[in-house]
Amino acid sequence: MIGRGIAQERFAMLVVGAYAMLALTLASIGLYGVLSYFYSVSRRQREMGIRLALGAQTSAVRRLVVREGAMLAAIGVIVGVAGALIATRVLGTLLFDVPARDPLTFTIAAVVLVTIALAASWIPARAATKIDPIHALRGEA
């Protein structure tokens, strides 16, 4: 009897949970695409070539690119968590026996997105350190 009584709420939360996982997946793919394009080696080839030609260590170039990605990810997480906290007022009425502001859920989503952002900036950073400075300055690479 109890199961039938809350079946509609349970189904609604199952659908919301499925959409949340889909949204997290799409956000992860979009985040990776945007950051990897933004930090694309071809877009910043001359800049990285100049840095390396002037004597920058490859680790410093990698750190620079990853740090920029981490800053963007941190700003995104702060804005996203603030928006999610505001949205919990609406979703709180649909929840059954689960807190609307579950810290574990917020933490897992933030960690997944920050990890993907760091990977999205690390891969182009690693490729940027393999640029030959002479070819980059000539525009041949």
N, C-alpha and C. Protein backbone atom coordinates (compact mmCIF):
# COMPACT_ATOMS: atom_id res chain seq x y z
N MET A 1 0.83 -1.20 0.00
CA MET A 1 0.00 0.00 0.00
C MET A 1 0.87 1.27 0.00
N ILE A 2 1.90 1.24 0.84
CA ILE A 2 2.78 2.41 0.90
C ILE A 2 3.51 2.59 -0.42
N GLY A 3 3.97 1.47 -0.98
CA GLY A 3 4.68 1.52 -2.26
C GLY A 3 3.83 2.10 -3.36
N ARG A 4 2.57 1.72 -3.41
CA ARG A 4 1.66 2.27 -4.42
C ARG A 4 1.36 3.73 -4.15
N GLY A 5 1.36 4.10 -2.89
CA GLY A 5 1.07 5.48 -2.54
C GLY A 5 2.15 6.45 -2.97
N ILE A 6 3.37 6.00 -2.99
CA ILE A 6 4.46 6.90 -3.38
C ILE A 6 5.04 6.55 -4.75
N ALA A 7 4.36 5.70 -5.48
CA ALA A 7 4.86 5.27 -6.80
C ALA A 7 5.01 6.44 -7.75
N GLN A 8 4.06 7.36 -7.73
CA GLN A 8 4.13 8.49 -8.64
C GLN A 8 5.33 9.38 -8.31
N GLU A 9 5.56 9.64 -7.03
CA GLU A 9 6.71 10.45 -6.63
C GLU A 9 8.02 9.75 -6.95
N ARG A 10 8.04 8.45 -6.73
CA ARG A 10 9.24 7.66 -7.03
C ARG A 10 9.56 7.71 -8.52
N PHE A 11 8.54 7.56 -9.35
CA PHE A 11 8.75 7.62 -10.80
C PHE A 11 9.23 9.01 -11.22
N ALA A 12 8.63 10.05 -10.63
CA ALA A 12 9.05 11.41 -10.96
C ALA A 12 10.53 11.62 -10.62
N MET A 13 10.96 11.10 -9.48
CA MET A 13 12.36 11.27 -9.09
C MET A 13 13.28 10.41 -9.96
N LEU A 14 12.80 9.26 -10.40
CA LEU A 14 13.59 8.44 -11.31
C LEU A 14 13.82 9.17 -12.63
N VAL A 15 12.78 9.81 -13.12
CA VAL A 15 12.90 10.58 -14.36
C VAL A 15 13.82 11.78 -14.15
N VAL A 16 13.66 12.48 -13.04
CA VAL A 16 14.52 13.64 -12.75
C VAL A 16 15.97 13.19 -12.60
N GLY A 17 16.18 12.06 -11.92
CA GLY A 17 17.54 11.54 -11.77
C GLY A 17 18.17 11.16 -13.10
N ALA A 18 17.37 10.55 -13.98
CA ALA A 18 17.88 10.18 -15.30
C ALA A 18 18.24 11.43 -16.11
N TYR A 19 17.38 12.45 -16.04
CA TYR A 19 17.69 13.70 -16.72
C TYR A 19 18.91 14.39 -16.11
N ALA A 20 19.07 14.28 -14.83
CA ALA A 20 20.25 14.87 -14.18
C ALA A 20 21.53 14.20 -14.65
N MET A 21 21.50 12.88 -14.75
CA MET A 21 22.69 12.17 -15.25
C MET A 21 22.95 12.52 -16.71
N LEU A 22 21.90 12.63 -17.50
CA LEU A 22 22.07 13.04 -18.89
C LEU A 22 22.62 14.46 -18.98
N ALA A 23 22.13 15.34 -18.13
CA ALA A 23 22.62 16.72 -18.11
C ALA A 23 24.09 16.77 -17.70
N LEU A 24 24.48 15.97 -16.71
CA LEU A 24 25.87 15.93 -16.28
C LEU A 24 26.77 15.39 -17.39
N THR A 25 26.29 14.39 -18.10
CA THR A 25 27.06 13.84 -19.22
C THR A 25 27.21 14.87 -20.33
N LEU A 26 26.12 15.53 -20.71
CA LEU A 26 26.19 16.54 -21.76
C LEU A 26 27.05 17.73 -21.34
N ALA A 27 26.95 18.12 -20.08
CA ALA A 27 27.78 19.22 -19.59
C ALA A 27 29.25 18.83 -19.62
N SER A 28 29.55 17.59 -19.29
CA SER A 28 30.93 17.12 -19.32
C SER A 28 31.48 17.13 -20.75
N ILE A 29 30.70 16.65 -21.69
CA ILE A 29 31.14 16.62 -23.09
C ILE A 29 31.31 18.05 -23.61
N GLY A 30 30.37 18.92 -23.30
CA GLY A 30 30.47 20.32 -23.75
C GLY A 30 31.65 21.03 -23.12
N LEU A 31 31.86 20.80 -21.84
CA LEU A 31 32.99 21.42 -21.14
C LEU A 31 34.31 20.97 -21.74
N TYR A 32 34.42 19.68 -21.99
CA TYR A 32 35.65 19.17 -22.60
C TYR A 32 35.85 19.78 -23.99
N GLY A 33 34.80 19.84 -24.78
CA GLY A 33 34.92 20.41 -26.13
C GLY A 33 35.32 21.87 -26.13
N VAL A 34 34.68 22.65 -25.28
CA VAL A 34 34.98 24.09 -25.23
C VAL A 34 36.40 24.33 -24.74
N LEU A 35 36.78 23.69 -23.65
CA LEU A 35 38.11 23.92 -23.10
C LEU A 35 39.20 23.40 -24.03
N SER A 36 38.99 22.25 -24.64
CA SER A 36 40.03 21.74 -25.52
C SER A 36 40.15 22.60 -26.77
N TYR A 37 39.05 23.18 -27.26
CA TYR A 37 39.13 24.10 -28.39
C TYR A 37 39.80 25.39 -27.97
N PHE A 38 39.43 25.90 -26.80
CA PHE A 38 39.99 27.16 -26.31
C PHE A 38 41.50 27.05 -26.12
N TYR A 39 41.93 25.91 -25.64
CA TYR A 39 43.36 25.71 -25.40
C TYR A 39 44.02 24.92 -26.51
N SER A 40 43.37 24.89 -27.66
CA SER A 40 43.91 24.15 -28.79
C SER A 40 45.32 24.65 -29.12
N VAL A 41 46.17 23.71 -29.42
CA VAL A 41 47.56 24.05 -29.73
C VAL A 41 47.62 24.91 -30.99
N SER A 42 46.77 24.62 -31.96
CA SER A 42 46.81 25.39 -33.20
C SER A 42 46.39 26.84 -32.98
N ARG A 43 45.48 27.08 -32.04
CA ARG A 43 45.04 28.45 -31.77
C ARG A 43 46.10 29.25 -31.02
N ARG A 44 46.87 28.61 -30.18
CA ARG A 44 47.85 29.31 -29.35
C ARG A 44 49.28 28.88 -29.68
N GLN A 45 49.48 28.42 -30.89
CA GLN A 45 50.76 27.87 -31.30
C GLN A 45 51.88 28.91 -31.23
N ARG A 46 51.63 30.08 -31.74
CA ARG A 46 52.69 31.11 -31.74
C ARG A 46 53.02 31.54 -30.31
N GLU A 47 51.98 31.69 -29.49
CA GLU A 47 52.22 32.10 -28.10
C GLU A 47 53.09 31.08 -27.38
N MET A 48 52.76 29.82 -27.52
CA MET A 48 53.55 28.77 -26.85
C MET A 48 54.96 28.71 -27.43
N GLY A 49 55.06 28.89 -28.74
CA GLY A 49 56.38 28.90 -29.37
C GLY A 49 57.25 30.03 -28.86
N ILE A 50 56.67 31.20 -28.70
CA ILE A 50 57.42 32.35 -28.18
C ILE A 50 57.85 32.09 -26.74
N ARG A 51 56.95 31.57 -25.94
CA ARG A 51 57.29 31.27 -24.55
C ARG A 51 58.45 30.29 -24.47
N LEU A 52 58.36 29.22 -25.28
CA LEU A 52 59.42 28.20 -25.25
C LEU A 52 60.73 28.75 -25.83
N ALA A 53 60.62 29.61 -26.86
CA ALA A 53 61.82 30.19 -27.46
C ALA A 53 62.52 31.14 -26.49
N LEU A 54 61.76 31.79 -25.64
CA LEU A 54 62.34 32.71 -24.68
C LEU A 54 62.86 32.01 -23.44
N GLY A 55 62.75 30.69 -23.41
CA GLY A 55 63.35 29.93 -22.33
C GLY A 55 62.40 29.40 -21.27
N ALA A 56 61.11 29.46 -21.54
CA ALA A 56 60.17 28.93 -20.55
C ALA A 56 60.30 27.42 -20.46
N GLN A 57 60.22 26.90 -19.28
CA GLN A 57 60.26 25.46 -19.09
C GLN A 57 58.94 24.87 -19.57
N THR A 58 59.01 23.66 -20.07
CA THR A 58 57.78 23.02 -20.54
C THR A 58 56.78 22.83 -19.41
N SER A 59 57.28 22.59 -18.21
CA SER A 59 56.37 22.43 -17.07
C SER A 59 55.66 23.75 -16.76
N ALA A 60 56.34 24.86 -16.96
CA ALA A 60 55.71 26.16 -16.71
C ALA A 60 54.61 26.44 -17.73
N VAL A 61 54.84 26.06 -18.98
CA VAL A 61 53.81 26.24 -20.01
C VAL A 61 52.61 25.35 -19.70
N ARG A 62 52.87 24.11 -19.32
CA ARG A 62 51.79 23.19 -18.95
C ARG A 62 50.99 23.74 -17.78
N ARG A 63 51.70 24.21 -16.76
CA ARG A 63 51.03 24.76 -15.58
C ARG A 63 50.17 25.97 -15.93
N LEU A 64 50.67 26.81 -16.83
CA LEU A 64 49.92 28.00 -17.24
C LEU A 64 48.59 27.61 -17.86
N VAL A 65 48.62 26.68 -18.78
CA VAL A 65 47.39 26.28 -19.47
C VAL A 65 46.44 25.58 -18.51
N VAL A 66 46.95 24.69 -17.67
CA VAL A 66 46.10 23.97 -16.72
C VAL A 66 45.54 24.94 -15.68
N ARG A 67 46.32 25.90 -15.25
CA ARG A 67 45.84 26.88 -14.27
C ARG A 67 44.68 27.70 -14.84
N GLU A 68 44.79 28.09 -16.11
CA GLU A 68 43.69 28.84 -16.73
C GLU A 68 42.43 27.99 -16.79
N GLY A 69 42.59 26.72 -17.14
CA GLY A 69 41.44 25.82 -17.17
C GLY A 69 40.84 25.61 -15.79
N ALA A 70 41.69 25.51 -14.78
CA ALA A 70 41.21 25.33 -13.41
C ALA A 70 40.45 26.56 -12.93
N MET A 71 40.91 27.75 -13.31
CA MET A 71 40.21 28.97 -12.91
C MET A 71 38.82 29.02 -13.55
N LEU A 72 38.74 28.69 -14.83
CA LEU A 72 37.43 28.66 -15.48
C LEU A 72 36.52 27.62 -14.85
N ALA A 73 37.08 26.47 -14.51
CA ALA A 73 36.29 25.42 -13.87
C ALA A 73 35.81 25.86 -12.50
N ALA A 74 36.65 26.53 -11.74
CA ALA A 74 36.27 26.99 -10.41
C ALA A 74 35.13 28.02 -10.49
N ILE A 75 35.24 28.93 -11.42
CA ILE A 75 34.18 29.92 -11.60
C ILE A 75 32.88 29.22 -12.01
N GLY A 76 32.98 28.26 -12.91
CA GLY A 76 31.80 27.52 -13.34
C GLY A 76 31.16 26.73 -12.22
N VAL A 77 31.97 26.12 -11.37
CA VAL A 77 31.42 25.36 -10.24
C VAL A 77 30.72 26.29 -9.26
N ILE A 78 31.30 27.43 -8.99
CA ILE A 78 30.68 28.38 -8.05
C ILE A 78 29.34 28.86 -8.58
N VAL A 79 29.30 29.24 -9.85
CA VAL A 79 28.05 29.71 -10.44
C VAL A 79 27.03 28.56 -10.52
N GLY A 80 27.50 27.38 -10.90
CA GLY A 80 26.61 26.22 -11.01
C GLY A 80 26.02 25.79 -9.69
N VAL A 81 26.83 25.76 -8.65
CA VAL A 81 26.32 25.38 -7.32
C VAL A 81 25.32 26.42 -6.82
N ALA A 82 25.61 27.69 -7.07
CA ALA A 82 24.66 28.73 -6.66
C ALA A 82 23.33 28.55 -7.39
N GLY A 83 23.38 28.30 -8.68
CA GLY A 83 22.15 28.07 -9.44
C GLY A 83 21.42 26.82 -8.99
N ALA A 84 22.17 25.77 -8.67
CA ALA A 84 21.55 24.53 -8.21
C ALA A 84 20.89 24.72 -6.85
N LEU A 85 21.52 25.49 -5.98
CA LEU A 85 20.91 25.76 -4.67
C LEU A 85 19.61 26.52 -4.82
N ILE A 86 19.56 27.43 -5.77
CA ILE A 86 18.32 28.17 -6.03
C ILE A 86 17.26 27.22 -6.59
N ALA A 87 17.67 26.31 -7.47
CA ALA A 87 16.72 25.37 -8.09
C ALA A 87 16.19 24.33 -7.10
N THR A 88 16.87 24.13 -5.99
CA THR A 88 16.39 23.12 -5.04
C THR A 88 15.07 23.49 -4.41
N ARG A 89 14.73 24.75 -4.38
CA ARG A 89 13.43 25.16 -3.84
C ARG A 89 12.29 24.56 -4.66
N VAL A 90 12.45 24.55 -5.96
CA VAL A 90 11.42 24.00 -6.84
C VAL A 90 11.41 22.47 -6.75
N LEU A 91 12.59 21.86 -6.77
CA LEU A 91 12.68 20.40 -6.76
C LEU A 91 12.40 19.80 -5.39
N GLY A 92 12.48 20.58 -4.36
CA GLY A 92 12.28 20.07 -3.01
C GLY A 92 10.89 19.48 -2.80
N THR A 93 9.91 19.97 -3.53
CA THR A 93 8.56 19.44 -3.38
C THR A 93 8.41 18.05 -4.00
N LEU A 94 9.28 17.69 -4.92
CA LEU A 94 9.20 16.39 -5.59
C LEU A 94 9.96 15.28 -4.86
N LEU A 95 10.79 15.65 -3.92
CA LEU A 95 11.65 14.67 -3.26
C LEU A 95 10.93 13.95 -2.14
N PHE A 96 11.25 12.68 -2.00
CA PHE A 96 10.67 11.87 -0.93
C PHE A 96 11.80 11.25 -0.13
N ASP A 97 11.90 11.63 1.10
CA ASP A 97 12.88 11.07 2.03
C ASP A 97 14.34 11.31 1.61
N VAL A 98 14.57 12.37 0.84
CA VAL A 98 15.92 12.75 0.42
C VAL A 98 16.02 14.27 0.56
N PRO A 99 17.09 14.75 1.16
CA PRO A 99 17.22 16.21 1.28
C PRO A 99 17.47 16.85 -0.08
N ALA A 100 16.86 18.00 -0.29
CA ALA A 100 17.00 18.70 -1.58
C ALA A 100 18.43 19.21 -1.77
N ARG A 101 19.08 19.56 -0.70
CA ARG A 101 20.45 20.09 -0.77
C ARG A 101 21.42 19.03 -0.27
N ASP A 102 21.45 17.93 -0.96
CA ASP A 102 22.32 16.81 -0.60
C ASP A 102 23.77 17.17 -0.91
N PRO A 103 24.63 17.31 0.10
CA PRO A 103 26.02 17.72 -0.15
C PRO A 103 26.80 16.69 -0.97
N LEU A 104 26.48 15.42 -0.82
CA LEU A 104 27.19 14.39 -1.58
C LEU A 104 26.95 14.55 -3.08
N THR A 105 25.72 14.80 -3.46
CA THR A 105 25.38 14.98 -4.87
C THR A 105 26.08 16.22 -5.44
N PHE A 106 26.03 17.30 -4.71
CA PHE A 106 26.69 18.53 -5.17
C PHE A 106 28.20 18.32 -5.30
N THR A 107 28.79 17.62 -4.35
CA THR A 107 30.23 17.38 -4.37
C THR A 107 30.62 16.49 -5.54
N ILE A 108 29.88 15.41 -5.75
CA ILE A 108 30.21 14.50 -6.84
C ILE A 108 30.11 15.21 -8.18
N ALA A 109 29.04 15.98 -8.40
CA ALA A 109 28.89 16.69 -9.67
C ALA A 109 30.03 17.69 -9.87
N ALA A 110 30.38 18.42 -8.83
CA ALA A 110 31.46 19.41 -8.94
C ALA A 110 32.79 18.73 -9.21
N VAL A 111 33.08 17.63 -8.53
CA VAL A 111 34.35 16.92 -8.73
C VAL A 111 34.44 16.35 -10.15
N VAL A 112 33.34 15.79 -10.65
CA VAL A 112 33.34 15.24 -12.02
C VAL A 112 33.63 16.34 -13.03
N LEU A 113 32.96 17.48 -12.89
CA LEU A 113 33.15 18.56 -13.86
C LEU A 113 34.54 19.20 -13.76
N VAL A 114 35.06 19.35 -12.56
CA VAL A 114 36.41 19.91 -12.41
C VAL A 114 37.44 18.94 -12.97
N THR A 115 37.26 17.64 -12.74
CA THR A 115 38.19 16.65 -13.28
C THR A 115 38.20 16.69 -14.80
N ILE A 116 37.03 16.78 -15.39
CA ILE A 116 36.95 16.85 -16.85
C ILE A 116 37.57 18.15 -17.36
N ALA A 117 37.36 19.24 -16.64
CA ALA A 117 37.97 20.52 -17.05
C ALA A 117 39.48 20.45 -16.99
N LEU A 118 40.01 19.82 -15.95
CA LEU A 118 41.47 19.69 -15.85
C LEU A 118 42.03 18.79 -16.94
N ALA A 119 41.33 17.71 -17.25
CA ALA A 119 41.77 16.84 -18.34
C ALA A 119 41.68 17.56 -19.68
N ALA A 120 40.63 18.36 -19.85
CA ALA A 120 40.46 19.09 -21.11
C ALA A 120 41.53 20.15 -21.31
N SER A 121 42.10 20.65 -20.25
CA SER A 121 43.18 21.63 -20.40
C SER A 121 44.56 20.96 -20.34
N TRP A 122 44.66 19.78 -19.72
CA TRP A 122 45.95 19.08 -19.63
C TRP A 122 46.37 18.52 -20.99
N ILE A 123 45.45 17.96 -21.73
CA ILE A 123 45.79 17.32 -23.02
C ILE A 123 46.36 18.35 -24.00
N PRO A 124 45.72 19.50 -24.24
CA PRO A 124 46.35 20.50 -25.11
C PRO A 124 47.63 21.08 -24.51
N ALA A 125 47.71 21.16 -23.19
CA ALA A 125 48.92 21.69 -22.56
C ALA A 125 50.10 20.77 -22.84
N ARG A 126 49.85 19.47 -22.78
CA ARG A 126 50.92 18.51 -23.08
C ARG A 126 51.34 18.61 -24.54
N ALA A 127 50.37 18.80 -25.42
CA ALA A 127 50.69 18.94 -26.84
C ALA A 127 51.43 20.25 -27.11
N ALA A 128 51.09 21.29 -26.36
CA ALA A 128 51.74 22.59 -26.56
C ALA A 128 53.21 22.55 -26.22
N THR A 129 53.60 21.71 -25.28
CA THR A 129 55.01 21.65 -24.90
C THR A 129 55.85 20.87 -25.91
N LYS A 130 55.20 20.21 -26.85
CA LYS A 130 55.93 19.46 -27.87
C LYS A 130 56.15 20.27 -29.15
N ILE A 131 55.73 21.52 -29.13
CA ILE A 131 55.90 22.39 -30.29
C ILE A 131 57.37 22.77 -30.42
N ASP A 132 57.87 22.71 -31.64
CA ASP A 132 59.22 23.20 -31.90
C ASP A 132 59.14 24.72 -32.01
N PRO A 133 59.84 25.45 -31.15
CA PRO A 133 59.71 26.91 -31.14
C PRO A 133 60.05 27.57 -32.48
N ILE A 134 61.01 27.06 -33.18
CA ILE A 134 61.39 27.65 -34.47
C ILE A 134 60.25 27.52 -35.47
N HIS A 135 59.67 26.34 -35.55
CA HIS A 135 58.55 26.14 -36.49
C HIS A 135 57.33 26.94 -36.08
N ALA A 136 57.10 27.06 -34.81
CA ALA A 136 55.94 27.83 -34.34
C ALA A 136 56.12 29.31 -34.67
N LEU A 137 57.34 29.83 -34.51
CA LEU A 137 57.58 31.24 -34.82
C LEU A 137 57.50 31.51 -36.31
N ARG A 138 57.86 30.55 -37.12
CA ARG A 138 57.74 30.70 -38.58
C ARG A 138 56.32 30.46 -39.06
N GLY A 139 55.51 29.83 -38.23
CA GLY A 139 54.15 29.52 -38.62
C GLY A 139 54.04 28.25 -39.42
N GLU A 140 55.02 27.34 -39.30
CA GLU A 140 55.05 26.12 -40.09
C GLU A 140 54.43 24.94 -39.37
N ALA A 141 54.32 24.97 -38.05
CA ALA A 141 53.90 23.79 -37.31
C ALA A 141 52.44 23.50 -37.44
